[in-house]
Amino acid sequence: MSYFIYILASQPRGTIYIGSTNDLGRRVFEHRTEAVPGFTKTYGIKTLVHFETFDDYPYAAQREKRLKKWARAWKIELIEKDNPEWIDLWPSIAQH
């Protein structure tokens, strides 16, 4: 089984949310459709801008905790390293 950490954004350089899951497609869909009340629904955070895959849950959980503690500038740098235009990555995972 694979595990994922993901970063969603409200817009380029906007509000950021970091989460983890074992079903990236389902979880991002829940955020996009505002199926679950909370931070992402309140702030309109729906754009998948970064994700990483792990084979082991403890590594994914550890990475999520570390990223949440990072300075905002570091998070933006991580996103822009692979996704400088803040393109929504949802289409690339929604087909799976």
C-alpha atoms as a PDB file:
ATOM      1  CA  MET A   1       0.000   0.000   0.000  1.00  0.00           C
ATOM      2  CA  SER A   2       1.166   3.521  -0.756  1.00  0.00           C
ATOM      3  CA  TYR A   3       0.874   6.544   1.492  1.00  0.00           C
ATOM      4  CA  PHE A   4       0.965  10.166   0.458  1.00  0.00           C
ATOM      5  CA  ILE A   5       1.637  13.592   1.850  1.00  0.00           C
ATOM      6  CA  TYR A   6       0.055  16.380  -0.144  1.00  0.00           C
ATOM      7  CA  ILE A   7      -0.103  20.133  -0.280  1.00  0.00           C
ATOM      8  CA  LEU A   8      -3.200  22.011  -1.380  1.00  0.00           C
ATOM      9  CA  ALA A   9      -3.413  25.749  -2.021  1.00  0.00           C
ATOM     10  CA  SER A  10      -6.203  28.270  -2.405  1.00  0.00           C
ATOM     11  CA  GLN A  11      -4.273  30.017  -5.225  1.00  0.00           C
ATOM     12  CA  PRO A  12      -0.618  30.512  -6.183  1.00  0.00           C
ATOM     13  CA  ARG A  13       1.198  31.607  -3.025  1.00  0.00           C
ATOM     14  CA  GLY A  14      -2.140  31.600  -1.207  1.00  0.00           C
ATOM     15  CA  THR A  15      -3.294  29.686   1.842  1.00  0.00           C
ATOM     16  CA  ILE A  16      -1.621  26.260   2.113  1.00  0.00           C
ATOM     17  CA  TYR A  17      -2.823  23.004   3.656  1.00  0.00           C
ATOM     18  CA  ILE A  18      -0.675  19.912   4.273  1.00  0.00           C
ATOM     19  CA  GLY A  19      -2.164  16.473   4.822  1.00  0.00           C
ATOM     20  CA  SER A  20      -1.510  12.756   4.497  1.00  0.00           C
ATOM     21  CA  THR A  21      -3.589   9.825   3.283  1.00  0.00           C
ATOM     22  CA  ASN A  22      -3.464   6.318   1.874  1.00  0.00           C
ATOM     23  CA  ASP A  23      -5.865   7.257  -0.960  1.00  0.00           C
ATOM     24  CA  LEU A  24      -4.765  10.505  -2.580  1.00  0.00           C
ATOM     25  CA  GLY A  25      -7.477  10.597  -5.222  1.00  0.00           C
ATOM     26  CA  ARG A  26     -10.296  10.126  -2.724  1.00  0.00           C
ATOM     27  CA  ARG A  27      -8.885  12.595  -0.209  1.00  0.00           C
ATOM     28  CA  VAL A  28      -8.262  15.385  -2.702  1.00  0.00           C
ATOM     29  CA  PHE A  29     -11.735  14.802  -4.150  1.00  0.00           C
ATOM     30  CA  GLU A  30     -13.170  15.279  -0.650  1.00  0.00           C
ATOM     31  CA  HIS A  31     -11.328  18.591  -0.328  1.00  0.00           C
ATOM     32  CA  ARG A  32     -12.369  19.734  -3.811  1.00  0.00           C
ATOM     33  CA  THR A  33     -16.053  18.966  -3.220  1.00  0.00           C
ATOM     34  CA  GLU A  34     -16.023  20.376   0.323  1.00  0.00           C
ATOM     35  CA  ALA A  35     -17.343  17.025   1.561  1.00  0.00           C
ATOM     36  CA  VAL A  36     -15.790  17.489   4.991  1.00  0.00           C
ATOM     37  CA  PRO A  37     -16.101  20.678   7.037  1.00  0.00           C
ATOM     38  CA  GLY A  38     -12.863  22.205   8.225  1.00  0.00           C
ATOM     39  CA  PHE A  39      -9.908  24.370   7.284  1.00  0.00           C
ATOM     40  CA  THR A  40      -9.853  23.632   3.558  1.00  0.00           C
ATOM     41  CA  LYS A  41     -13.602  24.230   3.164  1.00  0.00           C
ATOM     42  CA  THR A  42     -13.465  27.448   5.190  1.00  0.00           C
ATOM     43  CA  TYR A  43     -10.600  28.895   3.135  1.00  0.00           C
ATOM     44  CA  GLY A  44     -11.473  27.482  -0.299  1.00  0.00           C
ATOM     45  CA  ILE A  45      -8.338  25.354  -0.537  1.00  0.00           C
ATOM     46  CA  LYS A  46      -8.829  22.934  -3.442  1.00  0.00           C
ATOM     47  CA  THR A  47      -5.760  22.996  -5.708  1.00  0.00           C
ATOM     48  CA  LEU A  48      -3.324  20.082  -5.421  1.00  0.00           C
ATOM     49  CA  VAL A  49       0.109  21.640  -5.912  1.00  0.00           C
ATOM     50  CA  HIS A  50       2.493  19.003  -4.481  1.00  0.00           C
ATOM     51  CA  PHE A  51       2.495  15.398  -3.336  1.00  0.00           C
ATOM     52  CA  GLU A  52       4.989  12.732  -2.347  1.00  0.00           C
ATOM     53  CA  THR A  53       4.560   8.953  -2.230  1.00  0.00           C
ATOM     54  CA  PHE A  54       5.818   6.624   0.494  1.00  0.00           C
ATOM     55  CA  ASP A  55       5.765   2.855   0.897  1.00  0.00           C
ATOM     56  CA  ASP A  56       5.636   3.049   4.668  1.00  0.00           C
ATOM     57  CA  TYR A  57       3.112   4.944   6.809  1.00  0.00           C
ATOM     58  CA  PRO A  58       5.573   6.004   9.542  1.00  0.00           C
ATOM     59  CA  TYR A  59       7.738   7.782   6.942  1.00  0.00           C
ATOM     60  CA  ALA A  60       4.728   9.581   5.469  1.00  0.00           C
ATOM     61  CA  ALA A  61       3.490  10.643   8.912  1.00  0.00           C
ATOM     62  CA  GLN A  62       6.957  11.849   9.873  1.00  0.00           C
ATOM     63  CA  ARG A  63       7.285  13.852   6.646  1.00  0.00           C
ATOM     64  CA  GLU A  64       3.861  15.452   7.178  1.00  0.00           C
ATOM     65  CA  LYS A  65       4.788  16.524  10.712  1.00  0.00           C
ATOM     66  CA  ARG A  66       8.094  17.970   9.525  1.00  0.00           C
ATOM     67  CA  LEU A  67       6.521  19.911   6.664  1.00  0.00           C
ATOM     68  CA  LYS A  68       3.892  21.400   8.957  1.00  0.00           C
ATOM     69  CA  LYS A  69       6.690  22.821  11.110  1.00  0.00           C
ATOM     70  CA  TRP A  70       8.558  24.355   8.160  1.00  0.00           C
ATOM     71  CA  ALA A  71       8.577  28.089   7.587  1.00  0.00           C
ATOM     72  CA  ARG A  72       6.100  29.220   4.945  1.00  0.00           C
ATOM     73  CA  ALA A  73       8.941  30.301   2.634  1.00  0.00           C
ATOM     74  CA  TRP A  74      10.354  26.758   2.695  1.00  0.00           C
ATOM     75  CA  LYS A  75       6.964  25.275   1.809  1.00  0.00           C
ATOM     76  CA  ILE A  76       6.636  27.677  -1.124  1.00  0.00           C
ATOM     77  CA  GLU A  77      10.151  26.770  -2.259  1.00  0.00           C
ATOM     78  CA  LEU A  78       9.276  23.041  -2.094  1.00  0.00           C
ATOM     79  CA  ILE A  79       6.162  23.572  -4.209  1.00  0.00           C
ATOM     80  CA  GLU A  80       7.905  25.796  -6.749  1.00  0.00           C
ATOM     81  CA  LYS A  81      10.862  23.441  -7.144  1.00  0.00           C
ATOM     82  CA  ASP A  82       8.680  20.966  -9.074  1.00  0.00           C
ATOM     83  CA  ASN A  83       5.621  23.083  -9.818  1.00  0.00           C
ATOM     84  CA  PRO A  84       6.733  26.696 -10.402  1.00  0.00           C
ATOM     85  CA  GLU A  85       3.419  27.669 -12.017  1.00  0.00           C
ATOM     86  CA  TRP A  86       1.335  26.167  -9.186  1.00  0.00           C
ATOM     87  CA  ILE A  87      -0.518  24.031 -11.746  1.00  0.00           C
ATOM     88  CA  ASP A  88      -3.333  21.920 -10.319  1.00  0.00           C
ATOM     89  CA  LEU A  89      -2.056  18.327 -10.237  1.00  0.00           C
ATOM     90  CA  TRP A  90      -5.540  16.914  -9.680  1.00  0.00           C
ATOM     91  CA  PRO A  91      -6.070  15.889 -13.346  1.00  0.00           C
ATOM     92  CA  SER A  92      -2.923  13.751 -13.237  1.00  0.00           C
ATOM     93  CA  ILE A  93      -4.166  11.699 -10.257  1.00  0.00           C
ATOM     94  CA  ALA A  94      -7.946  11.778 -10.872  1.00  0.00           C
ATOM     95  CA  GLN A  95      -7.563   9.309 -13.738  1.00  0.00           C
ATOM     96  CA  HIS A  96      -6.139   6.617 -11.459  1.00  0.00           C
END
